[in-house]
Amino acid sequence: SELEKTHSAAVVQLEKQQKQLEAKACEGQFLKAGMPGKWKANLIIMEFNSPEPFQPLVCTALRNGAQVRYLSGGLLSKEGFEVKSPKRTVQVFVGAERVPGGDPDIQVMVPVTAKIDSKSVDVTRANLRAVAAELIAAMRNQ
């Protein structure tokens, strides 16, 4: 019926507006956590060959109650970020690469080293999944 069509259209419109509001709120939280604006569109490798958007991960972590902050790079260290939960602190230092043939403003952040509860590890293909598991647990505020 016409009423159902109108109702359906209204629901779709509301869902679209809600997504836009959430995205805007997320952007604000992301920047408030001290993340560089240039990282907003970046992807991060959490699983080999499977980059995923970084900003939504940060926003999810913040929503879950984890503490997230930017770690600026120094002369000898790369920049990175820290996620702190009651049970663990995970710092990830990344190298950034352009996506071949992709948008030059979007970079893929590749974890190079990590510090899990102050124990440093070099991130390799062999241990990427384990480092990601620690990071995800921290992001879930666990």
C-alpha atoms as a PDB file:
ATOM      1  CA  SER A   1       0.000   0.000   0.000  1.00  0.00           C
ATOM      2  CA  GLU A   2       0.985   3.648  -0.326  1.00  0.00           C
ATOM      3  CA  LEU A   3       1.244   3.999   3.455  1.00  0.00           C
ATOM      4  CA  GLU A   4       3.695   1.071   3.673  1.00  0.00           C
ATOM      5  CA  LYS A   5       5.840   2.577   0.891  1.00  0.00           C
ATOM      6  CA  THR A   6       5.926   5.921   2.688  1.00  0.00           C
ATOM      7  CA  HIS A   7       6.762   4.207   5.978  1.00  0.00           C
ATOM      8  CA  SER A   8       9.547   2.177   4.309  1.00  0.00           C
ATOM      9  CA  ALA A   9      11.020   5.285   2.710  1.00  0.00           C
ATOM     10  CA  ALA A  10      10.932   7.122   6.050  1.00  0.00           C
ATOM     11  CA  VAL A  11      12.719   4.243   7.817  1.00  0.00           C
ATOM     12  CA  VAL A  12      15.433   4.161   5.127  1.00  0.00           C
ATOM     13  CA  GLN A  13      15.862   7.943   5.417  1.00  0.00           C
ATOM     14  CA  LEU A  14      16.133   7.765   9.224  1.00  0.00           C
ATOM     15  CA  GLU A  15      18.707   4.953   9.049  1.00  0.00           C
ATOM     16  CA  LYS A  16      20.749   6.987   6.560  1.00  0.00           C
ATOM     17  CA  GLN A  17      20.634  10.075   8.835  1.00  0.00           C
ATOM     18  CA  GLN A  18      21.615   7.954  11.847  1.00  0.00           C
ATOM     19  CA  LYS A  19      24.649   6.551   9.984  1.00  0.00           C
ATOM     20  CA  GLN A  20      25.698  10.092   9.001  1.00  0.00           C
ATOM     21  CA  LEU A  21      25.365  11.281  12.617  1.00  0.00           C
ATOM     22  CA  GLU A  22      27.365   8.297  13.887  1.00  0.00           C
ATOM     23  CA  ALA A  23      30.089   8.944  11.299  1.00  0.00           C
ATOM     24  CA  LYS A  24      30.268  12.616  12.312  1.00  0.00           C
ATOM     25  CA  ALA A  25      30.390  11.715  16.024  1.00  0.00           C
ATOM     26  CA  CYS A  26      33.075   9.120  15.312  1.00  0.00           C
ATOM     27  CA  GLU A  27      35.193  11.674  13.460  1.00  0.00           C
ATOM     28  CA  GLY A  28      34.993  13.993  16.478  1.00  0.00           C
ATOM     29  CA  GLN A  29      35.949  11.215  18.917  1.00  0.00           C
ATOM     30  CA  PHE A  30      38.805  10.149  16.637  1.00  0.00           C
ATOM     31  CA  LEU A  31      40.300  13.648  16.591  1.00  0.00           C
ATOM     32  CA  LYS A  32      39.624  14.148  20.318  1.00  0.00           C
ATOM     33  CA  ALA A  33      41.724  11.013  20.993  1.00  0.00           C
ATOM     34  CA  GLY A  34      44.583  12.959  19.402  1.00  0.00           C
ATOM     35  CA  MET A  35      44.681  10.960  16.187  1.00  0.00           C
ATOM     36  CA  PRO A  36      46.099  12.888  13.227  1.00  0.00           C
ATOM     37  CA  GLY A  37      43.475  14.098  10.770  1.00  0.00           C
ATOM     38  CA  LYS A  38      45.460  12.493   7.949  1.00  0.00           C
ATOM     39  CA  TRP A  39      44.784   9.075   9.543  1.00  0.00           C
ATOM     40  CA  LYS A  40      40.984   9.410   9.228  1.00  0.00           C
ATOM     41  CA  ALA A  41      40.806   7.621   5.888  1.00  0.00           C
ATOM     42  CA  ASN A  42      43.656   5.209   6.590  1.00  0.00           C
ATOM     43  CA  LEU A  43      43.410   1.448   6.621  1.00  0.00           C
ATOM     44  CA  ILE A  44      45.269  -0.821   9.029  1.00  0.00           C
ATOM     45  CA  ILE A  45      46.520  -4.359   8.527  1.00  0.00           C
ATOM     46  CA  MET A  46      45.120  -6.512  11.326  1.00  0.00           C
ATOM     47  CA  GLU A  47      45.141  -9.662   9.260  1.00  0.00           C
ATOM     48  CA  PHE A  48      47.618 -10.382   6.470  1.00  0.00           C
ATOM     49  CA  ASN A  49      46.451  -8.999   3.094  1.00  0.00           C
ATOM     50  CA  SER A  50      43.207  -7.721   4.603  1.00  0.00           C
ATOM     51  CA  PRO A  51      43.369  -3.995   5.383  1.00  0.00           C
ATOM     52  CA  GLU A  52      40.409  -2.520   7.251  1.00  0.00           C
ATOM     53  CA  PRO A  53      39.360   1.074   8.017  1.00  0.00           C
ATOM     54  CA  PHE A  54      41.215   2.427  11.057  1.00  0.00           C
ATOM     55  CA  GLN A  55      38.863   5.199  12.242  1.00  0.00           C
ATOM     56  CA  PRO A  56      35.879   2.904  13.004  1.00  0.00           C
ATOM     57  CA  LEU A  57      38.168   0.632  15.073  1.00  0.00           C
ATOM     58  CA  VAL A  58      39.228   3.593  17.199  1.00  0.00           C
ATOM     59  CA  CYS A  59      35.621   4.728  17.644  1.00  0.00           C
ATOM     60  CA  THR A  60      34.498   1.229  18.638  1.00  0.00           C
ATOM     61  CA  ALA A  61      37.300   1.045  21.209  1.00  0.00           C
ATOM     62  CA  LEU A  62      36.285   4.421  22.656  1.00  0.00           C
ATOM     63  CA  ARG A  63      32.617   3.396  22.736  1.00  0.00           C
ATOM     64  CA  ASN A  64      33.625   0.233  24.609  1.00  0.00           C
ATOM     65  CA  GLY A  65      35.333   2.376  27.245  1.00  0.00           C
ATOM     66  CA  ALA A  66      38.944   1.693  26.276  1.00  0.00           C
ATOM     67  CA  GLN A  67      41.406   4.594  26.350  1.00  0.00           C
ATOM     68  CA  VAL A  68      42.988   5.401  23.003  1.00  0.00           C
ATOM     69  CA  ARG A  69      45.739   7.881  22.278  1.00  0.00           C
ATOM     70  CA  TYR A  70      48.116   8.856  19.503  1.00  0.00           C
ATOM     71  CA  LEU A  71      51.843   8.243  19.950  1.00  0.00           C
ATOM     72  CA  SER A  72      53.950  10.639  17.944  1.00  0.00           C
ATOM     73  CA  GLY A  73      57.077   9.305  16.291  1.00  0.00           C
ATOM     74  CA  GLY A  74      60.518  10.435  17.269  1.00  0.00           C
ATOM     75  CA  LEU A  75      63.866  10.506  15.552  1.00  0.00           C
ATOM     76  CA  LEU A  76      64.280   6.745  15.835  1.00  0.00           C
ATOM     77  CA  SER A  77      60.712   5.602  16.408  1.00  0.00           C
ATOM     78  CA  LYS A  78      57.668   5.376  14.221  1.00  0.00           C
ATOM     79  CA  GLU A  79      54.352   6.968  15.096  1.00  0.00           C
ATOM     80  CA  GLY A  80      51.633   4.780  16.487  1.00  0.00           C
ATOM     81  CA  PHE A  81      48.753   4.524  18.901  1.00  0.00           C
ATOM     82  CA  GLU A  82      47.962   3.054  22.276  1.00  0.00           C
ATOM     83  CA  VAL A  83      44.845   1.246  23.435  1.00  0.00           C
ATOM     84  CA  LYS A  84      44.498   0.802  27.176  1.00  0.00           C
ATOM     85  CA  SER A  85      41.932  -1.396  28.904  1.00  0.00           C
ATOM     86  CA  PRO A  86      41.767  -2.499  32.537  1.00  0.00           C
ATOM     87  CA  LYS A  87      43.648  -5.720  31.721  1.00  0.00           C
ATOM     88  CA  ARG A  88      46.177  -4.670  29.090  1.00  0.00           C
ATOM     89  CA  THR A  89      47.978  -1.834  27.362  1.00  0.00           C
ATOM     90  CA  VAL A  90      48.799  -2.315  23.696  1.00  0.00           C
ATOM     91  CA  GLN A  91      50.943   0.088  21.732  1.00  0.00           C
ATOM     92  CA  VAL A  92      51.271  -0.376  17.990  1.00  0.00           C
ATOM     93  CA  PHE A  93      53.852   1.476  15.912  1.00  0.00           C
ATOM     94  CA  VAL A  94      53.134   1.604  12.218  1.00  0.00           C
ATOM     95  CA  GLY A  95      54.716   2.267   8.900  1.00  0.00           C
ATOM     96  CA  ALA A  96      52.381   3.710   6.295  1.00  0.00           C
ATOM     97  CA  GLU A  97      52.312   2.801   2.620  1.00  0.00           C
ATOM     98  CA  ARG A  98      50.246   4.039  -0.265  1.00  0.00           C
ATOM     99  CA  VAL A  99      47.844   1.565  -1.784  1.00  0.00           C
ATOM    100  CA  PRO A 100      49.314   0.758  -5.221  1.00  0.00           C
ATOM    101  CA  GLY A 101      47.074   2.480  -7.747  1.00  0.00           C
ATOM    102  CA  GLY A 102      44.844   3.773  -4.958  1.00  0.00           C
ATOM    103  CA  ASP A 103      43.959   7.193  -3.574  1.00  0.00           C
ATOM    104  CA  PRO A 104      47.226   8.928  -2.527  1.00  0.00           C
ATOM    105  CA  ASP A 105      45.479  10.332   0.569  1.00  0.00           C
ATOM    106  CA  ILE A 106      44.628   6.872   1.879  1.00  0.00           C
ATOM    107  CA  GLN A 107      47.481   4.924   3.360  1.00  0.00           C
ATOM    108  CA  VAL A 108      47.702   1.419   4.700  1.00  0.00           C
ATOM    109  CA  MET A 109      49.159   1.380   8.185  1.00  0.00           C
ATOM    110  CA  VAL A 110      51.340  -1.664   8.664  1.00  0.00           C
ATOM    111  CA  PRO A 111      52.197  -2.621  12.261  1.00  0.00           C
ATOM    112  CA  VAL A 112      55.989  -2.746  12.550  1.00  0.00           C
ATOM    113  CA  THR A 113      56.505  -3.101  16.287  1.00  0.00           C
ATOM    114  CA  ALA A 114      54.163  -3.484  19.206  1.00  0.00           C
ATOM    115  CA  LYS A 115      54.426  -3.199  22.965  1.00  0.00           C
ATOM    116  CA  ILE A 116      52.070  -5.432  24.882  1.00  0.00           C
ATOM    117  CA  ASP A 117      52.122  -4.568  28.582  1.00  0.00           C
ATOM    118  CA  SER A 118      55.606  -3.033  28.095  1.00  0.00           C
ATOM    119  CA  LYS A 119      57.020  -6.112  26.311  1.00  0.00           C
ATOM    120  CA  SER A 120      58.234  -5.093  22.846  1.00  0.00           C
ATOM    121  CA  VAL A 121      57.865  -7.344  19.824  1.00  0.00           C
ATOM    122  CA  ASP A 122      58.650  -6.923  16.162  1.00  0.00           C
ATOM    123  CA  VAL A 123      55.481  -7.580  14.191  1.00  0.00           C
ATOM    124  CA  THR A 124      55.945 -10.265  11.549  1.00  0.00           C
ATOM    125  CA  ARG A 125      53.644 -12.279   9.331  1.00  0.00           C
ATOM    126  CA  ALA A 126      53.981 -15.100  11.855  1.00  0.00           C
ATOM    127  CA  ASN A 127      52.807 -13.112  14.900  1.00  0.00           C
ATOM    128  CA  LEU A 128      50.523 -10.478  13.320  1.00  0.00           C
ATOM    129  CA  ARG A 129      47.418 -12.413  14.301  1.00  0.00           C
ATOM    130  CA  ALA A 130      48.536 -12.710  17.942  1.00  0.00           C
ATOM    131  CA  VAL A 131      49.330  -8.979  18.127  1.00  0.00           C
ATOM    132  CA  ALA A 132      45.958  -8.188  16.519  1.00  0.00           C
ATOM    133  CA  ALA A 133      44.211 -10.447  19.065  1.00  0.00           C
ATOM    134  CA  GLU A 134      45.773  -8.468  21.946  1.00  0.00           C
ATOM    135  CA  LEU A 135      44.815  -5.202  20.272  1.00  0.00           C
ATOM    136  CA  ILE A 136      41.228  -6.338  19.672  1.00  0.00           C
ATOM    137  CA  ALA A 137      40.913  -7.513  23.300  1.00  0.00           C
ATOM    138  CA  ALA A 138      42.099  -4.076  24.469  1.00  0.00           C
ATOM    139  CA  MET A 139      39.675  -2.390  22.054  1.00  0.00           C
ATOM    140  CA  ARG A 140      36.852  -4.450  23.558  1.00  0.00           C
ATOM    141  CA  ASN A 141      37.975  -3.022  26.916  1.00  0.00           C
ATOM    142  CA  GLN A 142      38.933  -6.531  28.097  1.00  0.00           C
END
